[in-house]
N, C-alpha and C. Protein backbone atom coordinates (compact mmCIF):
# COMPACT_ATOMS: atom_id res chain seq x y z
N UNK A 1 85.84 -30.48 -38.79
CA UNK A 1 86.23 -30.21 -37.25
C UNK A 1 84.74 -31.05 -36.54
N UNK A 2 85.33 -31.70 -35.34
CA UNK A 2 83.71 -32.22 -34.75
C UNK A 2 83.36 -31.08 -33.98
N UNK A 3 82.11 -31.58 -33.42
CA UNK A 3 80.96 -30.52 -32.29
C UNK A 3 82.35 -30.87 -31.19
N UNK A 4 83.03 -31.69 -30.42
CA UNK A 4 83.69 -31.20 -29.47
C UNK A 4 84.89 -30.47 -29.91
N UNK A 5 85.36 -30.37 -30.90
CA UNK A 5 86.63 -29.77 -31.53
C UNK A 5 85.94 -28.03 -31.28
N UNK A 6 84.73 -28.06 -31.99
CA UNK A 6 84.27 -26.87 -32.10
C UNK A 6 84.23 -26.11 -31.07
N UNK A 7 83.39 -27.07 -29.39
CA UNK A 7 82.81 -26.52 -28.44
C UNK A 7 84.07 -26.27 -27.67
N UNK A 8 85.42 -27.10 -27.97
CA UNK A 8 86.78 -26.73 -27.37
C UNK A 8 86.78 -25.43 -28.12
N UNK A 9 87.19 -25.40 -29.00
CA UNK A 9 87.70 -23.46 -29.64
C UNK A 9 87.10 -22.74 -28.59
N UNK A 10 85.79 -22.66 -28.84
CA UNK A 10 85.13 -21.70 -28.12
C UNK A 10 85.69 -21.24 -27.02
N UNK A 11 85.30 -22.37 -26.11
CA UNK A 11 85.60 -22.49 -24.69
C UNK A 11 87.06 -21.54 -24.56
N UNK A 12 88.11 -22.22 -25.26
CA UNK A 12 89.06 -20.99 -25.49
C UNK A 12 89.23 -19.69 -25.47
N UNK A 13 88.45 -19.46 -26.35
CA UNK A 13 88.36 -17.70 -26.23
C UNK A 13 87.71 -17.20 -25.34
N UNK A 14 87.24 -17.65 -24.42
CA UNK A 14 85.88 -17.13 -23.48
C UNK A 14 86.98 -16.86 -22.36
N UNK A 15 86.51 -15.93 -21.43
CA UNK A 15 87.43 -15.59 -20.64
C UNK A 15 86.93 -16.47 -19.26
N UNK A 16 87.52 -16.80 -18.09
CA UNK A 16 87.91 -17.54 -16.99
C UNK A 16 86.48 -17.12 -16.85
N UNK A 17 85.75 -15.99 -15.58
CA UNK A 17 84.46 -16.22 -15.18
C UNK A 17 83.64 -16.27 -16.30
N UNK A 18 83.09 -16.56 -17.35
CA UNK A 18 82.75 -17.51 -18.44
C UNK A 18 82.62 -19.10 -18.74
N UNK A 19 83.99 -19.52 -18.55
CA UNK A 19 84.01 -20.67 -18.63
C UNK A 19 83.31 -21.13 -17.02
N UNK A 20 83.58 -20.92 -16.36
CA UNK A 20 83.64 -20.89 -14.79
C UNK A 20 81.55 -21.10 -14.68
N UNK A 21 81.06 -20.20 -15.60
CA UNK A 21 79.24 -20.41 -16.04
C UNK A 21 78.99 -21.75 -16.32
N UNK A 22 79.68 -21.54 -17.32
CA UNK A 22 79.82 -23.20 -18.64
C UNK A 22 79.58 -24.42 -17.73
N UNK A 23 80.74 -24.58 -16.98
CA UNK A 23 80.34 -25.62 -16.01
C UNK A 23 80.09 -25.49 -15.56
N UNK A 24 79.20 -24.68 -14.19
CA UNK A 24 78.29 -24.63 -13.43
C UNK A 24 77.17 -25.31 -13.52
N UNK A 25 76.68 -24.83 -15.15
CA UNK A 25 75.63 -24.97 -15.80
C UNK A 25 75.14 -26.40 -16.11
N UNK A 26 76.74 -26.88 -16.99
CA UNK A 26 76.60 -28.48 -17.18
C UNK A 26 76.88 -29.22 -16.41
N UNK A 27 77.16 -28.97 -15.20
CA UNK A 27 77.10 -29.87 -13.69
C UNK A 27 75.74 -30.12 -13.30
N UNK A 28 75.12 -28.73 -13.46
CA UNK A 28 73.82 -29.17 -12.72
C UNK A 28 72.96 -29.16 -13.56
N UNK A 29 73.30 -29.67 -15.38
CA UNK A 29 71.99 -30.73 -15.89
C UNK A 29 72.11 -31.93 -15.95
N UNK A 30 72.79 -32.27 -15.07
CA UNK A 30 72.49 -33.73 -14.58
C UNK A 30 72.93 -33.90 -13.16
N UNK A 31 72.15 -32.67 -12.77
CA UNK A 31 71.20 -32.89 -10.99
C UNK A 31 70.14 -33.22 -11.00
N UNK A 32 69.52 -34.36 -10.49
CA UNK A 32 67.87 -34.56 -10.86
C UNK A 32 67.37 -33.17 -10.07
N UNK A 33 67.73 -32.84 -9.23
CA UNK A 33 67.11 -31.55 -8.24
C UNK A 33 67.14 -30.20 -9.15
N UNK A 34 68.38 -30.25 -9.93
CA UNK A 34 68.52 -28.74 -10.13
C UNK A 34 68.10 -28.30 -12.04
N UNK A 35 67.90 -29.80 -12.36
CA UNK A 35 68.18 -29.77 -13.73
C UNK A 35 67.50 -29.05 -14.75
N UNK A 36 67.02 -28.57 -15.69
CA UNK A 36 66.07 -27.79 -16.46
C UNK A 36 65.38 -28.83 -17.28
N UNK A 37 65.66 -30.23 -17.24
CA UNK A 37 65.32 -31.26 -18.43
C UNK A 37 64.99 -32.15 -17.10
N UNK A 38 63.61 -32.35 -17.71
CA UNK A 38 62.89 -33.68 -16.86
C UNK A 38 62.38 -34.35 -17.91
N UNK A 39 62.61 -35.82 -16.89
CA UNK A 39 62.13 -37.11 -17.09
C UNK A 39 60.98 -36.84 -18.53
N UNK A 40 60.71 -37.62 -19.41
CA UNK A 40 60.01 -36.92 -20.82
C UNK A 40 59.35 -38.92 -19.89
N UNK A 41 58.09 -39.16 -20.54
CA UNK A 41 57.18 -40.17 -20.88
C UNK A 41 57.32 -40.88 -22.39
N UNK A 42 57.37 -42.13 -22.43
CA UNK A 42 57.03 -42.98 -23.63
C UNK A 42 56.54 -42.06 -24.38
N UNK A 43 55.12 -41.70 -24.32
CA UNK A 43 53.89 -41.21 -25.20
C UNK A 43 54.78 -39.68 -25.49
N UNK A 44 55.10 -38.86 -24.62
CA UNK A 44 55.94 -37.77 -24.96
C UNK A 44 56.99 -37.78 -25.96
N UNK A 45 58.35 -38.75 -25.72
CA UNK A 45 59.07 -38.73 -26.38
C UNK A 45 58.73 -39.63 -28.03
N UNK A 46 57.94 -40.34 -28.07
CA UNK A 46 57.15 -40.76 -29.69
C UNK A 46 56.46 -39.56 -30.20
N UNK A 47 55.76 -38.57 -29.43
CA UNK A 47 55.21 -37.62 -29.92
C UNK A 47 56.05 -36.65 -30.67
N UNK A 48 57.43 -36.78 -30.10
CA UNK A 48 58.17 -35.49 -30.69
C UNK A 48 58.93 -36.01 -31.50
N UNK A 49 58.99 -37.54 -31.65
CA UNK A 49 60.27 -37.87 -32.88
C UNK A 49 59.17 -37.81 -34.16
N UNK A 50 57.66 -38.16 -33.93
CA UNK A 50 56.69 -38.22 -34.54
C UNK A 50 56.68 -36.62 -35.66
N UNK A 51 56.76 -35.64 -34.73
CA UNK A 51 56.88 -34.41 -34.95
C UNK A 51 58.05 -34.31 -36.16
N UNK A 52 59.32 -34.54 -35.27
CA UNK A 52 61.16 -34.40 -36.03
C UNK A 52 61.00 -35.15 -37.16
N UNK A 53 59.80 -36.24 -37.31
CA UNK A 53 60.10 -37.00 -38.53
C UNK A 53 58.97 -36.62 -39.49
N UNK A 54 58.26 -35.36 -39.09
CA UNK A 54 56.96 -34.77 -40.09
C UNK A 54 58.26 -34.02 -40.51
N UNK A 55 58.71 -32.96 -40.10
CA UNK A 55 59.82 -32.24 -40.36
C UNK A 55 61.15 -32.16 -41.18
N UNK A 56 61.65 -33.78 -41.16
CA UNK A 56 62.53 -33.85 -42.15
C UNK A 56 62.10 -34.14 -42.92
N UNK A 57 60.41 -34.86 -43.66
CA UNK A 57 59.60 -35.62 -44.69
C UNK A 57 59.04 -34.22 -45.35
N UNK A 58 59.18 -32.93 -44.79
CA UNK A 58 58.71 -31.77 -45.07
C UNK A 58 59.68 -30.58 -45.08
N UNK A 59 61.16 -31.16 -45.16
CA UNK A 59 61.92 -30.41 -45.72
C UNK A 59 62.49 -29.37 -44.65
N UNK A 60 62.05 -29.36 -43.50
CA UNK A 60 61.87 -28.18 -42.54
C UNK A 60 62.89 -28.35 -41.46
N UNK A 61 64.08 -28.65 -41.76
CA UNK A 61 65.48 -29.14 -40.79
C UNK A 61 66.77 -27.92 -41.72
N UNK A 62 67.55 -27.83 -40.72
CA UNK A 62 68.85 -27.32 -41.93
C UNK A 62 69.79 -28.40 -41.69
N UNK A 63 70.83 -28.20 -42.67
CA UNK A 63 71.68 -29.53 -42.43
C UNK A 63 72.67 -29.58 -41.55
N UNK A 64 73.33 -30.37 -40.93
CA UNK A 64 73.89 -30.17 -39.79
C UNK A 64 75.68 -29.77 -40.07
N UNK A 65 75.55 -30.43 -41.19
CA UNK A 65 77.57 -29.60 -41.62
C UNK A 65 77.38 -28.45 -41.80
N UNK A 66 76.10 -27.70 -42.52
CA UNK A 66 76.03 -26.42 -42.90
C UNK A 66 76.04 -25.72 -41.90
N UNK A 67 74.96 -26.16 -40.77
CA UNK A 67 75.10 -24.99 -39.21
C UNK A 67 75.93 -25.22 -38.25
N UNK A 68 77.04 -26.28 -38.51
CA UNK A 68 77.97 -26.12 -37.53
C UNK A 68 79.40 -25.31 -38.62
N UNK A 69 79.27 -25.20 -40.05
CA UNK A 69 80.00 -24.68 -40.47
C UNK A 69 79.90 -22.74 -40.37
N UNK A 70 78.56 -22.27 -40.26
CA UNK A 70 78.02 -21.04 -40.00
C UNK A 70 78.30 -20.91 -38.37
N UNK A 71 78.41 -21.86 -37.64
CA UNK A 71 78.44 -21.25 -36.54
C UNK A 71 80.32 -21.25 -36.27
N UNK A 72 80.72 -21.83 -36.89
CA UNK A 72 81.72 -21.83 -36.80
C UNK A 72 82.45 -20.54 -37.52
N UNK A 73 82.16 -20.07 -38.52
CA UNK A 73 82.30 -18.78 -39.43
C UNK A 73 81.78 -17.41 -38.15
N UNK A 74 80.43 -17.67 -37.51
CA UNK A 74 80.43 -16.74 -36.63
C UNK A 74 81.57 -16.54 -35.56
N UNK A 75 81.75 -17.59 -35.29
CA UNK A 75 82.62 -17.68 -34.06
C UNK A 75 84.25 -16.95 -34.41
N UNK A 76 84.61 -17.12 -35.34
CA UNK A 76 85.64 -17.11 -36.09
C UNK A 76 86.62 -18.57 -35.76
N UNK A 77 85.50 -19.69 -35.92
CA UNK A 77 86.52 -21.25 -35.18
C UNK A 77 86.44 -22.01 -36.86
C-alpha cells in the first residue's frame, strides 16, 4: 500500500468534522503567514542533513516499510 493509499484509507474512516480539520491544517501549511514551517537557511538544511546521515550510519532509524506496516496495523488499514 502506498503512502497516499494509506492516508486515504485513514481519512475514509474519520468523521466529517475531523476531515475538515485535516483539510484546514493542510491548507494552512502552505500559507506563508500561518504555516508552522518556516524557511530554513542553507546552513540549517546542511546541518540537519549531516545529523540524519550520522543517524543512518549509526542505525538510529526505522525501516520505512516496517513503520508503514505498523501504522496500518495500528489503524486497521
